[in-house]
Each structure stands twice: as C-alpha cells, then as structure tokens.
C-alpha cells in the first residue's frame, strides 16, 4: 500500500508521451481510507498524440518505507486529439 503522503505528481513519468504541451500530472485519492486506489489526471496537451503515464521504480514508498517496483501497466496510455 502506497503511503499517500509520499506519492506526489512528480512521481508520475510522462516522458513516453507524444502529445505536445507542458504535460502536468495531478494525483487524487478518491477514498483516503483505501490506500490502493489513486486517480491520475494529465493536463496541458496542446497537440494530438499519446499521453503515457508510468510510475518508475523507487518513486514512492509504503508506510514501512519499502520502495515501489516500476509500473507495468499495459493500459497506461490514451490518444489525445
């Protein structure tokens, strides 16, 4: 379980994106009692392309200070037009 205090927008890597613009990730936690669910929204797109969000290894920790593994999602991108 991620420690929500250690999980910030700077932990989201958007470098694989092809959409133009100053992409900015925002993290919200819909239910603070559930430390397993977070929403990531990306804004700032100015031209068509893909928006790809990843969480690199060691970006955040759990409450026991264990680092996270890298995200391995296959559904972590959307086409923006």
C-alpha atoms as a PDB file:
ATOM      1  CA  UNK A   1       0.000   0.000   0.000  1.00  0.00           C
ATOM      2  CA  UNK A   2       1.384   3.347  -1.043  1.00  0.00           C
ATOM      3  CA  UNK A   3       1.870   5.997   1.595  1.00  0.00           C
ATOM      4  CA  UNK A   4      -0.263   8.778   0.119  1.00  0.00           C
ATOM      5  CA  UNK A   5       1.960  11.395   1.773  1.00  0.00           C
ATOM      6  CA  UNK A   6       4.935  10.178  -0.269  1.00  0.00           C
ATOM      7  CA  UNK A   7       3.101   9.843  -3.605  1.00  0.00           C
ATOM      8  CA  UNK A   8       3.216  13.143  -5.494  1.00  0.00           C
ATOM      9  CA  UNK A   9       2.704  14.337  -9.057  1.00  0.00           C
ATOM     10  CA  UNK A  10       6.462  14.357  -9.599  1.00  0.00           C
ATOM     11  CA  UNK A  11       6.368  10.553  -9.192  1.00  0.00           C
ATOM     12  CA  UNK A  12       4.451  10.224 -12.475  1.00  0.00           C
ATOM     13  CA  UNK A  13       6.681   9.905 -15.544  1.00  0.00           C
ATOM     14  CA  UNK A  14       5.100  11.302 -18.724  1.00  0.00           C
ATOM     15  CA  UNK A  15       8.239  11.171 -20.886  1.00  0.00           C
ATOM     16  CA  UNK A  16       6.843   8.499 -23.231  1.00  0.00           C
ATOM     17  CA  UNK A  17       4.070  10.847 -24.332  1.00  0.00           C
ATOM     18  CA  UNK A  18       3.882  12.187 -27.882  1.00  0.00           C
ATOM     19  CA  UNK A  19       1.155  14.786 -27.244  1.00  0.00           C
ATOM     20  CA  UNK A  20       2.630  18.266 -27.294  1.00  0.00           C
ATOM     21  CA  UNK A  21       2.471  20.764 -24.495  1.00  0.00           C
ATOM     22  CA  UNK A  22       3.616  21.159 -20.913  1.00  0.00           C
ATOM     23  CA  UNK A  23       2.048  17.941 -19.583  1.00  0.00           C
ATOM     24  CA  UNK A  24       1.226  18.013 -15.876  1.00  0.00           C
ATOM     25  CA  UNK A  25       0.017  15.060 -13.799  1.00  0.00           C
ATOM     26  CA  UNK A  26      -2.324  15.516 -10.846  1.00  0.00           C
ATOM     27  CA  UNK A  27      -2.946  12.718  -8.331  1.00  0.00           C
ATOM     28  CA  UNK A  28      -6.115  12.372  -6.291  1.00  0.00           C
ATOM     29  CA  UNK A  29      -7.182   9.703  -3.855  1.00  0.00           C
ATOM     30  CA  UNK A  30     -10.945   9.211  -4.115  1.00  0.00           C
ATOM     31  CA  UNK A  31     -11.217   7.394  -0.794  1.00  0.00           C
ATOM     32  CA  UNK A  32      -8.465   8.171   1.745  1.00  0.00           C
ATOM     33  CA  UNK A  33      -9.468   5.024   3.637  1.00  0.00           C
ATOM     34  CA  UNK A  34      -8.449   2.940   0.603  1.00  0.00           C
ATOM     35  CA  UNK A  35      -4.675   3.319   0.033  1.00  0.00           C
ATOM     36  CA  UNK A  36      -4.829   1.100  -3.060  1.00  0.00           C
ATOM     37  CA  UNK A  37      -6.749   3.453  -5.367  1.00  0.00           C
ATOM     38  CA  UNK A  38      -5.428   6.690  -6.855  1.00  0.00           C
ATOM     39  CA  UNK A  39      -6.547   8.691  -9.887  1.00  0.00           C
ATOM     40  CA  UNK A  40      -4.039  10.365 -12.181  1.00  0.00           C
ATOM     41  CA  UNK A  41      -5.233  13.167 -14.468  1.00  0.00           C
ATOM     42  CA  UNK A  42      -2.989  14.783 -17.072  1.00  0.00           C
ATOM     43  CA  UNK A  43      -3.494  18.296 -18.416  1.00  0.00           C
ATOM     44  CA  UNK A  44      -1.588  20.690 -20.657  1.00  0.00           C
ATOM     45  CA  UNK A  45      -1.878  18.915 -24.009  1.00  0.00           C
ATOM     46  CA  UNK A  46      -1.703  21.348 -26.944  1.00  0.00           C
ATOM     47  CA  UNK A  47      -1.371  18.977 -29.909  1.00  0.00           C
ATOM     48  CA  UNK A  48      -2.534  15.478 -30.822  1.00  0.00           C
ATOM     49  CA  UNK A  49      -0.653  12.429 -29.649  1.00  0.00           C
ATOM     50  CA  UNK A  50      -0.497   9.801 -26.950  1.00  0.00           C
ATOM     51  CA  UNK A  51      -0.331  10.540 -23.246  1.00  0.00           C
ATOM     52  CA  UNK A  52       1.591   7.820 -21.427  1.00  0.00           C
ATOM     53  CA  UNK A  53       1.810   7.726 -17.635  1.00  0.00           C
ATOM     54  CA  UNK A  54       4.269   5.499 -15.772  1.00  0.00           C
ATOM     55  CA  UNK A  55       5.498   5.217 -12.208  1.00  0.00           C
ATOM     56  CA  UNK A  56       9.227   4.424 -12.154  1.00  0.00           C
ATOM     57  CA  UNK A  57      10.740   2.091  -9.571  1.00  0.00           C
ATOM     58  CA  UNK A  58      11.575   3.741  -6.247  1.00  0.00           C
ATOM     59  CA  UNK A  59       9.340   6.751  -6.956  1.00  0.00           C
ATOM     60  CA  UNK A  60       7.365   6.359  -3.744  1.00  0.00           C
ATOM     61  CA  UNK A  61       7.187   4.221  -0.617  1.00  0.00           C
ATOM     62  CA  UNK A  62       4.724   2.430   1.584  1.00  0.00           C
ATOM     63  CA  UNK A  63       4.331   3.187   5.280  1.00  0.00           C
ATOM     64  CA  UNK A  64       7.135   0.746   6.103  1.00  0.00           C
ATOM     65  CA  UNK A  65       9.405   2.758   3.751  1.00  0.00           C
ATOM     66  CA  UNK A  66       9.633  -0.029   1.151  1.00  0.00           C
ATOM     67  CA  UNK A  67      10.098   1.393  -2.349  1.00  0.00           C
ATOM     68  CA  UNK A  68       7.671   0.633  -5.152  1.00  0.00           C
ATOM     69  CA  UNK A  69       8.502  -1.510  -8.183  1.00  0.00           C
ATOM     70  CA  UNK A  70       8.134   0.083 -11.621  1.00  0.00           C
ATOM     71  CA  UNK A  71       4.600   0.140 -13.003  1.00  0.00           C
ATOM     72  CA  UNK A  72       3.963  -2.490 -15.649  1.00  0.00           C
ATOM     73  CA  UNK A  73       0.543  -1.403 -16.910  1.00  0.00           C
ATOM     74  CA  UNK A  74      -0.455  -2.114 -20.466  1.00  0.00           C
ATOM     75  CA  UNK A  75      -3.395   0.306 -20.287  1.00  0.00           C
ATOM     76  CA  UNK A  76      -1.432   3.388 -19.226  1.00  0.00           C
ATOM     77  CA  UNK A  77      -1.867   5.461 -22.373  1.00  0.00           C
ATOM     78  CA  UNK A  78      -4.602   7.349 -24.168  1.00  0.00           C
ATOM     79  CA  UNK A  79      -4.743   9.042 -27.566  1.00  0.00           C
ATOM     80  CA  UNK A  80      -5.488  12.754 -27.267  1.00  0.00           C
ATOM     81  CA  UNK A  81      -6.792  14.657 -30.287  1.00  0.00           C
END
